[in-house]
Amino acid sequence: QVQLVESGGGLVQAGGSLRLSCAASGRTFSSYAMGWFRQAPGKERDFVAAINRSGGSTYYADSVKGRFTISRDNTKNTVYLQMNALKPEDTAVYCCAASLTAYGGNLYYTARYDYWGQGTQVTVSS
């Protein structure tokens, strides 16, 4: 069992930055690939970014590529999402997720994740 707790969300003006954190419980954090997803009101949950177990490979949605950076610190059981050049369309609840079995391109799919956090709200004003 893994518990995930996100933090770092808030209200920011367009063009600003935020850094989200996701702290995981347990001693097997490095066994999980990690992902960030977001869900805007009335929309489906969308993939944002993912990182493999060692942190050596990262994956991004086209809409955030070049603006967002995912990273992890396995010594702190934490995954991060640095968000720069934020746009109003980035407004959503951001959730982190952990996958024990998914690799590579499978990390884009919500169904491949085993554990989810509650989410943190990010609001970008124009």
Protein backbone atom coordinates (compact mmCIF):
# COMPACT_ATOMS: atom_id res chain seq x y z
CA GLN A 1 0.00 0.00 0.00
CA VAL A 2 1.25 3.46 -0.95
CA GLN A 3 -0.26 6.73 0.21
CA LEU A 4 0.36 9.85 -1.84
CA VAL A 5 -0.06 13.42 -0.62
CA GLU A 6 0.26 16.37 -2.98
CA SER A 7 1.13 19.92 -2.03
CA GLY A 8 2.19 23.17 -3.65
CA GLY A 9 -0.92 24.14 -5.54
CA GLY A 10 -2.40 27.63 -5.47
CA LEU A 11 -3.41 30.72 -7.40
CA VAL A 12 -0.89 32.22 -9.80
CA GLN A 13 -1.00 34.73 -12.64
CA ALA A 14 -0.46 33.66 -16.22
CA GLY A 15 3.25 33.39 -16.94
CA GLY A 16 4.05 32.48 -13.35
CA SER A 17 5.45 29.31 -11.83
CA LEU A 18 4.50 26.72 -9.25
CA ARG A 19 6.23 23.63 -7.93
CA LEU A 20 4.07 20.71 -6.93
CA SER A 21 5.30 17.98 -4.60
CA CYS A 22 3.94 14.50 -4.01
CA ALA A 23 5.14 12.71 -0.90
CA ALA A 24 4.77 8.93 -0.78
CA SER A 25 4.58 6.69 2.25
CA GLY A 26 6.34 3.35 2.50
CA ARG A 27 9.84 2.09 1.91
CA THR A 28 9.46 0.94 -1.69
CA PHE A 29 9.06 4.29 -3.45
CA SER A 30 11.80 3.48 -5.95
CA SER A 31 9.77 0.47 -7.13
CA TYR A 32 7.10 2.74 -8.57
CA ALA A 33 7.00 4.79 -11.70
CA MET A 34 5.27 8.08 -10.95
CA GLY A 35 2.94 10.26 -12.92
CA TRP A 36 1.12 13.56 -12.72
CA PHE A 37 -2.39 13.94 -14.11
CA ARG A 38 -4.83 16.85 -14.11
CA GLN A 39 -8.57 17.25 -14.29
CA ALA A 40 -10.38 20.47 -15.12
CA PRO A 41 -14.07 20.94 -14.25
CA GLY A 42 -16.29 18.98 -16.60
CA LYS A 43 -13.36 17.31 -18.33
CA GLU A 44 -11.65 13.95 -18.17
CA ARG A 45 -8.47 13.33 -16.27
CA ASP A 46 -5.51 14.00 -18.57
CA PHE A 47 -1.92 12.84 -18.50
CA VAL A 48 0.62 15.57 -17.73
CA ALA A 49 3.99 13.94 -17.06
CA ALA A 50 5.60 10.73 -15.85
CA ILE A 51 8.99 9.54 -14.66
CA ASN A 52 10.48 6.07 -14.47
CA ARG A 53 11.74 4.40 -11.31
CA SER A 54 15.31 5.66 -11.47
CA GLY A 55 14.39 9.13 -12.72
CA GLY A 56 16.37 8.60 -15.90
CA SER A 57 13.41 8.77 -18.29
CA THR A 58 10.62 11.31 -18.40
CA TYR A 59 7.47 11.67 -20.48
CA TYR A 60 5.31 14.72 -21.14
CA ALA A 61 2.02 15.65 -22.72
CA ASP A 62 2.53 17.86 -25.75
CA SER A 63 0.59 20.67 -24.07
CA VAL A 64 3.19 21.02 -21.28
CA LYS A 65 6.40 20.01 -23.03
CA GLY A 66 9.05 22.68 -22.58
CA ARG A 67 7.17 24.33 -19.70
CA PHE A 68 6.84 21.58 -17.07
CA THR A 69 9.55 19.38 -15.58
CA ILE A 70 8.99 16.22 -13.58
CA SER A 71 11.66 14.94 -11.22
CA ARG A 72 11.96 12.64 -8.24
CA ASP A 73 14.10 12.18 -5.15
CA ASN A 74 14.03 8.54 -4.08
CA THR A 75 15.82 9.38 -0.83
CA LYS A 76 12.90 11.62 0.13
CA ASN A 77 10.10 9.49 -1.37
CA THR A 78 8.96 12.53 -3.31
CA VAL A 79 8.13 13.39 -6.90
CA TYR A 80 7.98 16.98 -8.13
CA LEU A 81 6.35 18.89 -10.95
CA GLN A 82 7.95 22.23 -11.74
CA MET A 83 5.49 24.28 -13.77
CA ASN A 84 6.69 27.38 -15.59
CA ALA A 85 5.04 29.78 -18.04
CA LEU A 86 1.64 28.80 -16.70
CA LYS A 87 -1.44 29.46 -18.79
CA PRO A 88 -5.12 29.78 -17.78
CA GLU A 89 -5.78 26.47 -19.54
CA ASP A 90 -3.45 24.78 -17.03
CA THR A 91 -6.08 25.38 -14.34
CA ALA A 92 -7.08 22.02 -12.88
CA VAL A 93 -6.78 19.68 -9.94
CA TYR A 94 -3.38 18.00 -10.21
CA CYS A 95 -2.96 14.46 -8.89
CA CYS A 96 0.06 12.28 -8.60
CA ALA A 97 -0.10 8.54 -9.14
CA ALA A 98 2.14 5.51 -8.64
CA SER A 99 2.50 2.50 -10.90
CA LEU A 100 4.18 -0.75 -9.87
CA THR A 101 4.16 -2.40 -13.30
CA ALA A 102 3.94 0.18 -16.10
CA TYR A 103 6.91 1.13 -18.23
CA GLY A 104 7.59 3.56 -21.03
CA GLY A 105 4.60 4.55 -23.13
CA ASN A 106 2.17 2.79 -20.80
CA LEU A 107 2.77 5.55 -18.28
CA TYR A 108 0.46 7.80 -20.29
CA TYR A 109 -2.61 5.78 -19.28
CA THR A 110 -4.54 6.28 -16.04
CA ALA A 111 -5.51 2.59 -15.94
CA ARG A 112 -1.87 1.59 -15.47
CA TYR A 113 -1.56 3.34 -12.11
CA ASP A 114 -2.20 1.60 -8.84
CA TYR A 115 -2.36 4.43 -6.31
CA TRP A 116 -3.59 8.02 -6.48
CA GLY A 117 -3.34 11.08 -4.32
CA GLN A 118 -6.25 13.38 -3.49
CA GLY A 119 -5.00 16.19 -5.66
CA THR A 120 -4.05 19.84 -5.30
CA GLN A 121 -5.79 22.75 -7.00
CA VAL A 122 -3.87 24.91 -9.45
CA THR A 123 -5.59 28.07 -10.67
CA VAL A 124 -4.00 30.32 -13.27
CA SER A 125 -5.55 33.73 -13.72
CA SER A 126 -5.33 35.69 -16.97
